[in-house]
Amino acid sequence: MNKGLLKSWKTDKGFGFIKSDTLEHDTFIHISALKHMSRKPKVGDTIYFEVATQPDGKTKAINCRIEGVTELKAPHQKNNNQPHRIAKSNFASSFLGKAASIGLIAALCLYAFNKYNTHSSSQTPIIFNDDLATNDDLDTFDEKYPKVVIPKIVIPKSTQNFTCDGRQHCSQMTSKDEAIFFINNCPNTKMDGDRDGDPCENDSRFKNEW
């Protein structure tokens, strides 16, 4: 920051020159650099200023103030508050817009959920048969669907003396117990043609064993 005396001032044109001991040449000053002061400058005023170089290479004083003279308050304070009000209004509008969007989405989700529940509850239960079963149907169930008798497979009481040794036919068996062991435990046997679990039924040697 430089300090100097206002050497000259032309009121009708609104400019003058400042002489400063720290600068080689006098510095040009325009009235616009002092518009924030409470009075106009006059010759002999002490000026505090900074120096800026103009595009033409000349210098001028900027950020000036007159010593002992009060500065005016920032003008148009009402307008200065306007951006704040606008920003606040924009914030409110943005918030309300987001709230409305969230509310719309929530309403759509609730509608879809209720629609799904209504559709699910109104569906007719799936019945695999044309008619539902009644007590009379249960009473006659055994007659309509007789029990299937599964042949009983007789396993010999003791098989500790029998081993699979490749024999396949009834003529090779020594007893009915051995034949039963073979069809239940050994592969490729040919002693139970009807697969009822009773081997060698036509072999007369084993009829007396049962």
N, C-alpha and C. Protein backbone atom coordinates (compact mmCIF):
# COMPACT_ATOMS: atom_id res chain seq x y z
N MET A 1 0.85 -1.19 0.00
CA MET A 1 0.00 0.00 0.00
C MET A 1 0.89 1.24 0.00
N ASN A 2 0.61 2.17 -0.93
CA ASN A 2 1.38 3.42 -1.05
C ASN A 2 0.64 4.57 -0.38
N LYS A 3 1.40 5.61 -0.02
CA LYS A 3 0.83 6.80 0.61
C LYS A 3 1.36 8.03 -0.13
N GLY A 4 0.42 8.95 -0.43
CA GLY A 4 0.84 10.16 -1.13
C GLY A 4 -0.16 11.28 -0.95
N LEU A 5 0.17 12.46 -1.49
CA LEU A 5 -0.70 13.63 -1.42
C LEU A 5 -1.36 13.85 -2.76
N LEU A 6 -2.63 14.23 -2.70
CA LEU A 6 -3.34 14.56 -3.94
C LEU A 6 -2.78 15.88 -4.45
N LYS A 7 -1.96 15.81 -5.51
CA LYS A 7 -1.24 16.98 -6.02
C LYS A 7 -2.15 17.89 -6.81
N SER A 8 -3.04 17.30 -7.60
CA SER A 8 -3.98 18.08 -8.41
C SER A 8 -5.28 17.33 -8.54
N TRP A 9 -6.36 18.08 -8.80
CA TRP A 9 -7.67 17.46 -8.95
C TRP A 9 -8.56 18.33 -9.82
N LYS A 10 -9.16 17.75 -10.85
CA LYS A 10 -10.07 18.45 -11.73
C LYS A 10 -11.48 17.93 -11.45
N THR A 11 -12.25 18.74 -10.73
CA THR A 11 -13.58 18.33 -10.30
C THR A 11 -14.50 18.07 -11.49
N ASP A 12 -14.41 18.92 -12.54
CA ASP A 12 -15.31 18.78 -13.68
C ASP A 12 -15.05 17.51 -14.48
N LYS A 13 -13.82 17.02 -14.45
CA LYS A 13 -13.48 15.82 -15.20
C LYS A 13 -13.36 14.58 -14.30
N GLY A 14 -13.26 14.80 -13.00
CA GLY A 14 -13.25 13.67 -12.07
C GLY A 14 -11.96 12.89 -12.03
N PHE A 15 -10.81 13.56 -12.15
CA PHE A 15 -9.55 12.85 -11.99
C PHE A 15 -8.47 13.82 -11.52
N GLY A 16 -7.32 13.25 -11.11
CA GLY A 16 -6.20 14.06 -10.64
C GLY A 16 -4.96 13.19 -10.59
N PHE A 17 -3.92 13.71 -9.83
CA PHE A 17 -2.67 12.98 -9.72
C PHE A 17 -2.19 12.98 -8.27
N ILE A 18 -1.57 11.87 -7.89
CA ILE A 18 -1.04 11.71 -6.54
C ILE A 18 0.48 11.72 -6.62
N LYS A 19 1.08 12.48 -5.69
CA LYS A 19 2.54 12.49 -5.60
C LYS A 19 2.94 11.68 -4.37
N SER A 20 3.82 10.70 -4.59
CA SER A 20 4.26 9.83 -3.50
C SER A 20 5.79 9.78 -3.50
N ASP A 21 6.37 9.81 -2.28
CA ASP A 21 7.82 9.75 -2.15
C ASP A 21 8.36 8.37 -2.54
N THR A 22 7.50 7.34 -2.54
CA THR A 22 7.97 5.98 -2.84
C THR A 22 7.89 5.66 -4.32
N LEU A 23 7.30 6.57 -5.11
CA LEU A 23 7.15 6.31 -6.54
C LEU A 23 7.87 7.39 -7.34
N GLU A 24 8.41 6.99 -8.48
CA GLU A 24 9.20 7.92 -9.30
C GLU A 24 8.31 8.93 -10.00
N HIS A 25 7.15 8.50 -10.47
CA HIS A 25 6.25 9.39 -11.20
C HIS A 25 4.95 9.57 -10.43
N ASP A 26 4.26 10.68 -10.76
CA ASP A 26 2.94 10.92 -10.17
C ASP A 26 1.98 9.85 -10.70
N THR A 27 1.00 9.50 -9.86
CA THR A 27 0.07 8.42 -10.20
C THR A 27 -1.30 9.00 -10.50
N PHE A 28 -1.88 8.56 -11.61
CA PHE A 28 -3.21 8.99 -12.03
C PHE A 28 -4.25 8.36 -11.10
N ILE A 29 -5.27 9.17 -10.73
CA ILE A 29 -6.37 8.66 -9.91
C ILE A 29 -7.68 9.16 -10.47
N HIS A 30 -8.67 8.27 -10.57
CA HIS A 30 -9.99 8.61 -11.09
C HIS A 30 -10.99 8.63 -9.95
N ILE A 31 -12.05 9.39 -10.13
CA ILE A 31 -13.07 9.53 -9.09
C ILE A 31 -13.71 8.19 -8.73
N SER A 32 -13.74 7.24 -9.72
CA SER A 32 -14.37 5.95 -9.45
C SER A 32 -13.63 5.16 -8.37
N ALA A 33 -12.33 5.48 -8.17
CA ALA A 33 -11.55 4.77 -7.15
C ALA A 33 -11.86 5.29 -5.75
N LEU A 34 -12.61 6.43 -5.66
CA LEU A 34 -12.92 7.03 -4.36
C LEU A 34 -14.43 7.17 -4.14
N LYS A 35 -15.24 6.45 -4.93
CA LYS A 35 -16.69 6.61 -4.85
C LYS A 35 -17.27 6.10 -3.53
N HIS A 36 -16.50 5.27 -2.82
CA HIS A 36 -16.99 4.75 -1.54
C HIS A 36 -16.70 5.69 -0.37
N MET A 37 -16.01 6.84 -0.64
CA MET A 37 -15.71 7.80 0.42
C MET A 37 -16.92 8.72 0.64
N SER A 38 -17.00 9.27 1.87
CA SER A 38 -18.18 10.08 2.22
C SER A 38 -18.14 11.48 1.61
N ARG A 39 -17.00 11.93 1.06
CA ARG A 39 -16.90 13.21 0.35
C ARG A 39 -15.95 13.08 -0.82
N LYS A 40 -16.03 14.06 -1.69
CA LYS A 40 -15.14 14.05 -2.85
C LYS A 40 -13.73 14.48 -2.42
N PRO A 41 -12.72 14.03 -3.16
CA PRO A 41 -11.36 14.41 -2.80
C PRO A 41 -11.06 15.89 -3.11
N LYS A 42 -10.05 16.39 -2.46
CA LYS A 42 -9.59 17.77 -2.73
C LYS A 42 -8.07 17.80 -2.63
N VAL A 43 -7.51 18.80 -3.28
CA VAL A 43 -6.06 18.90 -3.30
C VAL A 43 -5.51 19.00 -1.88
N GLY A 44 -4.46 18.23 -1.61
CA GLY A 44 -3.84 18.21 -0.29
C GLY A 44 -4.27 17.02 0.56
N ASP A 45 -5.27 16.27 0.11
CA ASP A 45 -5.68 15.07 0.85
C ASP A 45 -4.58 14.02 0.82
N THR A 46 -4.44 13.31 1.96
CA THR A 46 -3.52 12.17 2.01
C THR A 46 -4.28 10.94 1.50
N ILE A 47 -3.71 10.31 0.48
CA ILE A 47 -4.37 9.18 -0.17
C ILE A 47 -3.55 7.91 0.05
N TYR A 48 -4.23 6.89 0.48
CA TYR A 48 -3.63 5.54 0.53
C TYR A 48 -4.11 4.79 -0.71
N PHE A 49 -3.19 4.14 -1.42
CA PHE A 49 -3.59 3.55 -2.70
C PHE A 49 -2.63 2.44 -3.09
N GLU A 50 -3.08 1.67 -4.07
CA GLU A 50 -2.24 0.68 -4.74
C GLU A 50 -2.13 1.07 -6.20
N VAL A 51 -1.10 0.55 -6.86
CA VAL A 51 -0.83 0.95 -8.24
C VAL A 51 -1.12 -0.24 -9.17
N ALA A 52 -1.85 0.02 -10.26
CA ALA A 52 -2.13 -0.98 -11.28
C ALA A 52 -1.71 -0.44 -12.62
N THR A 53 -1.21 -1.31 -13.50
CA THR A 53 -0.75 -0.90 -14.84
C THR A 53 -1.89 -1.14 -15.83
N GLN A 54 -2.21 -0.12 -16.62
CA GLN A 54 -3.27 -0.20 -17.61
C GLN A 54 -2.75 -0.84 -18.89
N PRO A 55 -3.68 -1.27 -19.77
CA PRO A 55 -3.25 -1.90 -21.03
C PRO A 55 -2.32 -1.03 -21.88
N ASP A 56 -2.44 0.29 -21.76
CA ASP A 56 -1.57 1.19 -22.55
C ASP A 56 -0.21 1.40 -21.89
N GLY A 57 0.04 0.74 -20.76
CA GLY A 57 1.33 0.86 -20.09
C GLY A 57 1.36 1.92 -19.01
N LYS A 58 0.34 2.75 -18.93
CA LYS A 58 0.29 3.79 -17.91
C LYS A 58 -0.21 3.20 -16.59
N THR A 59 0.09 3.87 -15.50
CA THR A 59 -0.32 3.39 -14.18
C THR A 59 -1.48 4.22 -13.67
N LYS A 60 -2.23 3.62 -12.73
CA LYS A 60 -3.33 4.33 -12.09
C LYS A 60 -3.49 3.81 -10.67
N ALA A 61 -4.11 4.61 -9.82
CA ALA A 61 -4.31 4.25 -8.43
C ALA A 61 -5.61 3.45 -8.29
N ILE A 62 -5.54 2.38 -7.49
CA ILE A 62 -6.72 1.57 -7.21
C ILE A 62 -6.79 1.30 -5.70
N ASN A 63 -7.95 0.80 -5.24
CA ASN A 63 -8.15 0.49 -3.82
C ASN A 63 -7.75 1.69 -2.96
N CYS A 64 -8.29 2.83 -3.32
CA CYS A 64 -7.90 4.09 -2.66
C CYS A 64 -8.81 4.43 -1.49
N ARG A 65 -8.25 5.20 -0.55
CA ARG A 65 -9.06 5.80 0.53
C ARG A 65 -8.38 7.09 0.98
N ILE A 66 -9.21 8.01 1.45
CA ILE A 66 -8.71 9.32 1.90
C ILE A 66 -8.51 9.27 3.41
N GLU A 67 -7.36 9.65 3.86
CA GLU A 67 -7.06 9.61 5.29
C GLU A 67 -7.98 10.57 6.03
N GLY A 68 -8.60 10.06 7.13
CA GLY A 68 -9.46 10.89 7.96
C GLY A 68 -10.88 11.04 7.45
N VAL A 69 -11.19 10.44 6.34
CA VAL A 69 -12.54 10.54 5.77
C VAL A 69 -13.23 9.16 5.90
N THR A 70 -14.44 9.18 6.42
CA THR A 70 -15.16 7.91 6.61
C THR A 70 -15.62 7.33 5.29
N GLU A 71 -15.76 6.02 5.30
CA GLU A 71 -16.22 5.33 4.10
C GLU A 71 -17.72 5.11 4.19
N LEU A 72 -18.36 5.14 3.04
CA LEU A 72 -19.80 4.89 2.99
C LEU A 72 -20.08 3.40 3.19
N LYS A 73 -21.23 3.11 3.78
CA LYS A 73 -21.65 1.72 3.90
C LYS A 73 -21.94 1.16 2.51
N ALA A 74 -21.81 -0.16 2.42
CA ALA A 74 -22.04 -0.80 1.12
C ALA A 74 -23.46 -0.50 0.66
N PRO A 75 -23.61 0.09 -0.53
CA PRO A 75 -24.95 0.44 -1.02
C PRO A 75 -25.75 -0.79 -1.43
N HIS A 76 -27.06 -0.54 -1.53
CA HIS A 76 -27.98 -1.58 -2.04
C HIS A 76 -27.90 -2.84 -1.18
N GLN A 77 -27.94 -2.67 0.13
CA GLN A 77 -27.93 -3.84 1.01
C GLN A 77 -29.15 -4.72 0.78
N LYS A 78 -30.25 -4.06 0.39
CA LYS A 78 -31.45 -4.83 0.14
C LYS A 78 -31.25 -5.79 -1.02
N ASN A 79 -30.56 -5.31 -2.05
CA ASN A 79 -30.27 -6.17 -3.19
C ASN A 79 -29.27 -7.26 -2.84
N ASN A 80 -28.37 -6.94 -1.87
CA ASN A 80 -27.38 -7.94 -1.46
C ASN A 80 -28.05 -9.13 -0.80
N ASN A 81 -29.19 -8.87 -0.18
CA ASN A 81 -29.89 -9.98 0.48
C ASN A 81 -30.70 -10.81 -0.51
N GLN A 82 -30.93 -10.25 -1.69
CA GLN A 82 -31.77 -10.94 -2.67
C GLN A 82 -31.22 -12.29 -3.09
N PRO A 83 -29.90 -12.42 -3.38
CA PRO A 83 -29.39 -13.76 -3.74
C PRO A 83 -29.62 -14.78 -2.66
N HIS A 84 -29.53 -14.33 -1.38
CA HIS A 84 -29.77 -15.26 -0.28
C HIS A 84 -31.21 -15.76 -0.30
N ARG A 85 -32.13 -14.81 -0.55
CA ARG A 85 -33.53 -15.22 -0.60
C ARG A 85 -33.79 -16.13 -1.78
N ILE A 86 -33.14 -15.84 -2.91
CA ILE A 86 -33.32 -16.68 -4.09
C ILE A 86 -32.79 -18.08 -3.84
N ALA A 87 -31.59 -18.12 -3.20
CA ALA A 87 -31.01 -19.42 -2.90
C ALA A 87 -31.89 -20.21 -1.96
N LYS A 88 -32.43 -19.48 -0.96
CA LYS A 88 -33.32 -20.15 -0.02
C LYS A 88 -34.56 -20.66 -0.71
N SER A 89 -35.10 -19.85 -1.64
CA SER A 89 -36.28 -20.27 -2.37
C SER A 89 -35.99 -21.48 -3.25
N ASN A 90 -34.80 -21.45 -3.90
CA ASN A 90 -34.43 -22.59 -4.73
C ASN A 90 -34.28 -23.85 -3.90
N PHE A 91 -33.70 -23.69 -2.70
CA PHE A 91 -33.55 -24.85 -1.80
C PHE A 91 -34.91 -25.43 -1.43
N ALA A 92 -35.85 -24.51 -1.10
CA ALA A 92 -37.18 -24.97 -0.72
C ALA A 92 -37.86 -25.68 -1.88
N SER A 93 -37.72 -25.10 -3.09
CA SER A 93 -38.34 -25.73 -4.25
C SER A 93 -37.73 -27.10 -4.52
N SER A 94 -36.40 -27.18 -4.40
CA SER A 94 -35.74 -28.45 -4.62
C SER A 94 -36.18 -29.49 -3.60
N PHE A 95 -36.27 -29.07 -2.32
CA PHE A 95 -36.69 -30.00 -1.27
C PHE A 95 -38.11 -30.50 -1.49
N LEU A 96 -39.00 -29.56 -1.85
CA LEU A 96 -40.39 -29.95 -2.08
C LEU A 96 -40.50 -30.89 -3.29
N GLY A 97 -39.68 -30.63 -4.31
CA GLY A 97 -39.70 -31.50 -5.48
C GLY A 97 -39.26 -32.91 -5.16
N LYS A 98 -38.19 -33.02 -4.34
CA LYS A 98 -37.72 -34.35 -3.94
C LYS A 98 -38.75 -35.05 -3.08
N ALA A 99 -39.35 -34.29 -2.15
CA ALA A 99 -40.36 -34.90 -1.27
C ALA A 99 -41.56 -35.40 -2.09
N ALA A 100 -41.96 -34.61 -3.09
CA ALA A 100 -43.08 -35.04 -3.93
C ALA A 100 -42.73 -36.30 -4.72
N SER A 101 -41.49 -36.38 -5.21
CA SER A 101 -41.07 -37.56 -5.97
C SER A 101 -41.07 -38.80 -5.09
N ILE A 102 -40.54 -38.64 -3.86
CA ILE A 102 -40.51 -39.78 -2.93
C ILE A 102 -41.92 -40.23 -2.59
N GLY A 103 -42.81 -39.26 -2.35
CA GLY A 103 -44.20 -39.60 -2.04
C GLY A 103 -44.89 -40.32 -3.18
N LEU A 104 -44.62 -39.90 -4.42
CA LEU A 104 -45.22 -40.55 -5.59
C LEU A 104 -44.73 -41.99 -5.72
N ILE A 105 -43.43 -42.19 -5.52
CA ILE A 105 -42.88 -43.54 -5.61
C ILE A 105 -43.48 -44.44 -4.53
N ALA A 106 -43.59 -43.90 -3.30
CA ALA A 106 -44.17 -44.69 -2.21
C ALA A 106 -45.62 -45.06 -2.51
N ALA A 107 -46.38 -44.13 -3.08
CA ALA A 107 -47.78 -44.40 -3.41
C ALA A 107 -47.89 -45.49 -4.48
N LEU A 108 -47.01 -45.43 -5.49
CA LEU A 108 -47.04 -46.46 -6.53
C LEU A 108 -46.70 -47.84 -5.97
N CYS A 109 -45.70 -47.88 -5.06
CA CYS A 109 -45.33 -49.16 -4.44
C CYS A 109 -46.49 -49.72 -3.62
N LEU A 110 -47.17 -48.85 -2.85
CA LEU A 110 -48.29 -49.30 -2.05
C LEU A 110 -49.43 -49.81 -2.92
N TYR A 111 -49.68 -49.12 -4.03
CA TYR A 111 -50.74 -49.56 -4.94
C TYR A 111 -50.42 -50.93 -5.53
N ALA A 112 -49.17 -51.11 -5.96
CA ALA A 112 -48.78 -52.40 -6.53
C ALA A 112 -48.89 -53.52 -5.51
N PHE A 113 -48.50 -53.23 -4.26
CA PHE A 113 -48.56 -54.25 -3.20
C PHE A 113 -50.01 -54.66 -2.93
N ASN A 114 -50.92 -53.67 -2.83
CA ASN A 114 -52.33 -53.97 -2.59
C ASN A 114 -52.94 -54.73 -3.76
N LYS A 115 -52.53 -54.35 -4.98
CA LYS A 115 -53.05 -55.03 -6.17
C LYS A 115 -52.63 -56.50 -6.16
N TYR A 116 -51.39 -56.74 -5.78
CA TYR A 116 -50.88 -58.12 -5.74
C TYR A 116 -51.63 -58.94 -4.70
N ASN A 117 -51.86 -58.37 -3.50
CA ASN A 117 -52.57 -59.09 -2.45
C ASN A 117 -54.00 -59.41 -2.86
N THR A 118 -54.66 -58.43 -3.52
CA THR A 118 -56.04 -58.65 -3.96
C THR A 118 -56.11 -59.76 -5.01
N HIS A 119 -55.15 -59.72 -5.92
CA HIS A 119 -55.12 -60.75 -6.97
C HIS A 119 -54.85 -62.13 -6.37
N SER A 120 -53.95 -62.20 -5.40
CA SER A 120 -53.60 -63.49 -4.80
C SER A 120 -54.77 -64.07 -4.02
N SER A 121 -55.49 -63.19 -3.28
CA SER A 121 -56.59 -63.68 -2.45
C SER A 121 -57.80 -64.08 -3.28
N SER A 122 -57.92 -63.52 -4.50
CA SER A 122 -59.09 -63.83 -5.33
C SER A 122 -58.90 -65.04 -6.22
N GLN A 123 -57.73 -65.59 -6.25
CA GLN A 123 -57.50 -66.75 -7.10
C GLN A 123 -58.22 -67.98 -6.57
N THR A 124 -58.79 -68.78 -7.47
CA THR A 124 -59.49 -70.01 -7.10
C THR A 124 -58.49 -71.08 -6.74
N PRO A 125 -58.68 -71.76 -5.61
CA PRO A 125 -57.74 -72.82 -5.22
C PRO A 125 -57.66 -73.90 -6.31
N ILE A 126 -56.47 -74.38 -6.50
CA ILE A 126 -56.25 -75.42 -7.51
C ILE A 126 -56.72 -76.76 -6.99
N ILE A 127 -57.62 -77.41 -7.73
CA ILE A 127 -58.13 -78.73 -7.36
C ILE A 127 -57.72 -79.70 -8.45
N PHE A 128 -56.97 -80.68 -8.09
CA PHE A 128 -56.45 -81.61 -9.08
C PHE A 128 -57.52 -82.55 -9.61
N ASN A 129 -58.57 -82.83 -8.83
CA ASN A 129 -59.67 -83.66 -9.29
C ASN A 129 -60.88 -82.80 -9.55
N ASP A 130 -61.83 -83.30 -10.32
CA ASP A 130 -63.03 -82.53 -10.62
C ASP A 130 -63.86 -82.29 -9.39
N ASP A 131 -63.94 -83.28 -8.49
CA ASP A 131 -64.77 -83.17 -7.29
C ASP A 131 -63.93 -83.32 -6.05
N LEU A 132 -64.34 -82.63 -4.99
CA LEU A 132 -63.67 -82.78 -3.71
C LEU A 132 -64.10 -84.10 -3.07
N ALA A 133 -63.19 -84.69 -2.31
CA ALA A 133 -63.50 -85.96 -1.65
C ALA A 133 -64.51 -85.74 -0.53
N THR A 134 -65.48 -86.67 -0.41
CA THR A 134 -66.48 -86.61 0.65
C THR A 134 -66.28 -87.80 1.59
N ASN A 135 -67.05 -87.82 2.67
CA ASN A 135 -66.96 -88.95 3.62
C ASN A 135 -67.36 -90.27 2.95
N ASP A 136 -68.36 -90.20 2.04
CA ASP A 136 -68.77 -91.42 1.33
C ASP A 136 -67.63 -91.95 0.46
N ASP A 137 -66.91 -91.01 -0.17
CA ASP A 137 -65.77 -91.44 -0.99
C ASP A 137 -64.72 -92.13 -0.14
N LEU A 138 -64.51 -91.62 1.07
CA LEU A 138 -63.51 -92.23 1.95
C LEU A 138 -63.94 -93.63 2.39
N ASP A 139 -65.28 -93.80 2.58
CA ASP A 139 -65.78 -95.11 3.03
C ASP A 139 -65.59 -96.17 1.94
N THR A 140 -65.68 -95.75 0.69
CA THR A 140 -65.58 -96.73 -0.41
C THR A 140 -64.20 -96.72 -1.06
N PHE A 141 -63.26 -96.01 -0.43
CA PHE A 141 -61.92 -95.90 -1.02
C PHE A 141 -61.25 -97.26 -1.16
N ASP A 142 -61.39 -98.08 -0.11
CA ASP A 142 -60.74 -99.40 -0.15
C ASP A 142 -61.30 -100.28 -1.25
N GLU A 143 -62.63 -100.09 -1.54
CA GLU A 143 -63.24 -100.90 -2.59
C GLU A 143 -62.78 -100.45 -3.97
N LYS A 144 -62.67 -99.12 -4.13
CA LYS A 144 -62.27 -98.60 -5.44
C LYS A 144 -60.79 -98.84 -5.71
N TYR A 145 -60.02 -98.74 -4.65
CA TYR A 145 -58.57 -98.88 -4.81
C TYR A 145 -58.06 -99.95 -3.87
N PRO A 146 -58.18 -101.23 -4.27
CA PRO A 146 -57.74 -102.32 -3.40
C PRO A 146 -56.25 -102.24 -3.13
N LYS A 147 -55.86 -102.75 -2.00
CA LYS A 147 -54.46 -102.72 -1.60
C LYS A 147 -53.64 -103.64 -2.51
N VAL A 148 -52.48 -103.21 -2.82
CA VAL A 148 -51.56 -104.00 -3.64
C VAL A 148 -50.72 -104.86 -2.71
N VAL A 149 -50.77 -106.14 -2.97
CA VAL A 149 -50.03 -107.08 -2.12
C VAL A 149 -48.62 -107.21 -2.67
N ILE A 150 -47.65 -106.87 -1.85
CA ILE A 150 -46.25 -106.95 -2.25
C ILE A 150 -45.71 -108.30 -1.80
N PRO A 151 -45.17 -109.07 -2.73
CA PRO A 151 -44.65 -110.41 -2.35
C PRO A 151 -43.62 -110.29 -1.25
N LYS A 152 -43.71 -111.20 -0.35
CA LYS A 152 -42.78 -111.23 0.77
C LYS A 152 -41.53 -111.99 0.37
N ILE A 153 -40.42 -111.34 0.55
CA ILE A 153 -39.14 -111.95 0.24
C ILE A 153 -38.64 -112.67 1.48
N VAL A 154 -38.47 -113.92 1.31
CA VAL A 154 -38.03 -114.74 2.45
C VAL A 154 -36.51 -114.81 2.45
N ILE A 155 -35.92 -114.39 3.50
CA ILE A 155 -34.47 -114.42 3.62
C ILE A 155 -34.10 -115.53 4.57
N PRO A 156 -33.18 -116.37 4.18
CA PRO A 156 -32.80 -117.49 5.05
C PRO A 156 -32.28 -117.01 6.39
N LYS A 157 -32.56 -117.81 7.40
CA LYS A 157 -32.17 -117.44 8.76
C LYS A 157 -30.65 -117.36 8.89
N SER A 158 -29.96 -118.21 8.22
CA SER A 158 -28.50 -118.20 8.36
C SER A 158 -27.87 -118.32 6.99
N THR A 159 -27.00 -117.36 6.67
CA THR A 159 -26.33 -117.38 5.37
C THR A 159 -24.83 -117.41 5.54
N GLN A 160 -24.38 -117.76 6.73
CA GLN A 160 -22.94 -117.70 6.99
C GLN A 160 -22.15 -118.73 6.20
N ASN A 161 -22.82 -119.78 5.71
CA ASN A 161 -22.10 -120.82 4.98
C ASN A 161 -22.21 -120.65 3.46
N PHE A 162 -22.93 -119.58 3.00
CA PHE A 162 -23.15 -119.39 1.57
C PHE A 162 -22.26 -118.26 1.07
N THR A 163 -21.68 -118.43 -0.11
CA THR A 163 -20.88 -117.39 -0.75
C THR A 163 -21.15 -117.39 -2.24
N CYS A 164 -21.04 -116.21 -2.85
CA CYS A 164 -21.25 -116.09 -4.29
C CYS A 164 -20.03 -116.70 -5.00
N ASP A 165 -20.28 -117.71 -5.80
CA ASP A 165 -19.17 -118.37 -6.46
C ASP A 165 -19.41 -118.55 -7.96
N GLY A 166 -20.36 -117.79 -8.50
CA GLY A 166 -20.60 -117.83 -9.94
C GLY A 166 -21.74 -118.74 -10.35
N ARG A 167 -22.32 -119.53 -9.46
CA ARG A 167 -23.44 -120.40 -9.82
C ARG A 167 -24.68 -119.55 -10.08
N GLN A 168 -25.50 -120.01 -11.05
CA GLN A 168 -26.65 -119.21 -11.47
C GLN A 168 -27.96 -119.99 -11.51
N HIS A 169 -27.94 -121.32 -11.58
CA HIS A 169 -29.14 -122.10 -11.83
C HIS A 169 -29.54 -122.92 -10.60
N CYS A 170 -30.83 -123.28 -10.60
CA CYS A 170 -31.37 -124.05 -9.49
C CYS A 170 -30.69 -125.42 -9.38
N SER A 171 -30.32 -125.99 -10.50
CA SER A 171 -29.70 -127.33 -10.49
C SER A 171 -28.37 -127.33 -9.76
N GLN A 172 -27.81 -126.10 -9.59
CA GLN A 172 -26.52 -125.98 -8.93
C GLN A 172 -26.67 -125.72 -7.43
N MET A 173 -27.92 -125.50 -6.97
CA MET A 173 -28.15 -125.20 -5.57
C MET A 173 -28.30 -126.49 -4.76
N THR A 174 -27.90 -126.44 -3.48
CA THR A 174 -28.01 -127.60 -2.60
C THR A 174 -29.21 -127.49 -1.68
N SER A 175 -29.80 -126.30 -1.57
CA SER A 175 -30.97 -126.12 -0.71
C SER A 175 -31.73 -124.87 -1.14
N LYS A 176 -32.96 -124.79 -0.64
CA LYS A 176 -33.78 -123.59 -0.93
C LYS A 176 -33.17 -122.35 -0.30
N ASP A 177 -32.61 -122.51 0.91
CA ASP A 177 -31.98 -121.37 1.57
C ASP A 177 -30.82 -120.83 0.75
N GLU A 178 -30.05 -121.75 0.16
CA GLU A 178 -28.91 -121.32 -0.64
C GLU A 178 -29.40 -120.57 -1.88
N ALA A 179 -30.50 -121.06 -2.51
CA ALA A 179 -31.04 -120.40 -3.69
C ALA A 179 -31.51 -118.98 -3.35
N ILE A 180 -32.16 -118.84 -2.19
CA ILE A 180 -32.63 -117.50 -1.76
C ILE A 180 -31.45 -116.58 -1.53
N PHE A 181 -30.39 -117.08 -0.92
CA PHE A 181 -29.20 -116.28 -0.68
C PHE A 181 -28.63 -115.78 -2.01
N PHE A 182 -28.56 -116.68 -3.01
CA PHE A 182 -27.96 -116.33 -4.28
C PHE A 182 -28.75 -115.25 -5.02
N ILE A 183 -30.10 -115.37 -5.04
CA ILE A 183 -30.87 -114.37 -5.80
C ILE A 183 -30.83 -113.00 -5.11
N ASN A 184 -30.62 -112.99 -3.79
CA ASN A 184 -30.60 -111.72 -3.05
C ASN A 184 -29.22 -111.09 -2.99
N ASN A 185 -28.17 -111.86 -3.19
CA ASN A 185 -26.83 -111.34 -2.95
C ASN A 185 -25.88 -111.51 -4.13
N CYS A 186 -26.17 -112.37 -5.08
CA CYS A 186 -25.21 -112.66 -6.13
C CYS A 186 -25.76 -112.19 -7.48
N PRO A 187 -24.87 -111.73 -8.38
CA PRO A 187 -25.32 -111.20 -9.68
C PRO A 187 -25.60 -112.31 -10.70
N ASN A 188 -26.45 -111.94 -11.68
CA ASN A 188 -26.69 -112.79 -12.87
C ASN A 188 -27.31 -114.15 -12.54
N THR A 189 -28.08 -114.23 -11.45
CA THR A 189 -28.75 -115.51 -11.14
C THR A 189 -29.96 -115.69 -12.04
N LYS A 190 -30.33 -116.94 -12.30
CA LYS A 190 -31.45 -117.26 -13.19
C LYS A 190 -32.35 -118.28 -12.53
N MET A 191 -32.75 -117.97 -11.28
CA MET A 191 -33.54 -118.93 -10.51
C MET A 191 -34.89 -118.36 -10.08
N ASP A 192 -35.21 -117.13 -10.47
CA ASP A 192 -36.49 -116.54 -10.06
C ASP A 192 -37.07 -115.82 -11.28
N GLY A 193 -37.63 -116.58 -12.20
CA GLY A 193 -38.11 -116.04 -13.46
C GLY A 193 -39.23 -115.03 -13.29
N ASP A 194 -40.15 -115.27 -12.34
CA ASP A 194 -41.26 -114.34 -12.16
C ASP A 194 -40.95 -113.22 -11.17
N ARG A 195 -39.73 -113.22 -10.63
CA ARG A 195 -39.25 -112.17 -9.74
C ARG A 195 -40.19 -111.91 -8.56
N ASP A 196 -40.68 -112.98 -7.96
CA ASP A 196 -41.54 -112.82 -6.78
C ASP A 196 -40.79 -113.09 -5.49
N GLY A 197 -39.49 -113.28 -5.59
CA GLY A 197 -38.68 -113.52 -4.40
C GLY A 197 -38.66 -114.98 -3.95
N ASP A 198 -39.29 -115.86 -4.70
CA ASP A 198 -39.34 -117.28 -4.34
C ASP A 198 -38.64 -118.06 -5.44
N PRO A 199 -37.35 -118.39 -5.29
CA PRO A 199 -36.60 -119.05 -6.36
C PRO A 199 -36.90 -120.55 -6.42
N CYS A 200 -36.63 -121.09 -7.59
CA CYS A 200 -36.71 -122.55 -7.81
C CYS A 200 -38.06 -123.14 -7.38
N GLU A 201 -39.13 -122.50 -7.78
CA GLU A 201 -40.46 -122.94 -7.36
C GLU A 201 -40.84 -124.29 -7.96
N ASN A 202 -40.30 -124.58 -9.13
CA ASN A 202 -40.65 -125.83 -9.81
C ASN A 202 -39.65 -126.96 -9.55
N ASP A 203 -38.68 -126.68 -8.72
CA ASP A 203 -37.67 -127.71 -8.42
C ASP A 203 -38.21 -128.61 -7.30
N SER A 204 -38.47 -129.89 -7.64
CA SER A 204 -39.08 -130.82 -6.68
C SER A 204 -38.19 -131.11 -5.48
N ARG A 205 -36.93 -130.83 -5.62
CA ARG A 205 -36.02 -131.13 -4.51
C ARG A 205 -36.28 -130.21 -3.31
N PHE A 206 -36.83 -129.04 -3.57
CA PHE A 206 -36.96 -128.07 -2.49
C PHE A 206 -38.39 -127.90 -1.99
N LYS A 207 -39.37 -128.68 -2.52
CA LYS A 207 -40.75 -128.49 -2.13
C LYS A 207 -40.98 -128.86 -0.67
N ASN A 208 -40.25 -129.81 -0.19
CA ASN A 208 -40.46 -130.22 1.19
C ASN A 208 -39.81 -129.32 2.23
N GLU A 209 -39.06 -128.27 1.74
CA GLU A 209 -38.42 -127.36 2.68
C GLU A 209 -39.34 -126.26 3.18
N TRP A 210 -40.55 -126.15 2.61
CA TRP A 210 -41.46 -125.06 3.03
C TRP A 210 -42.75 -125.66 3.56
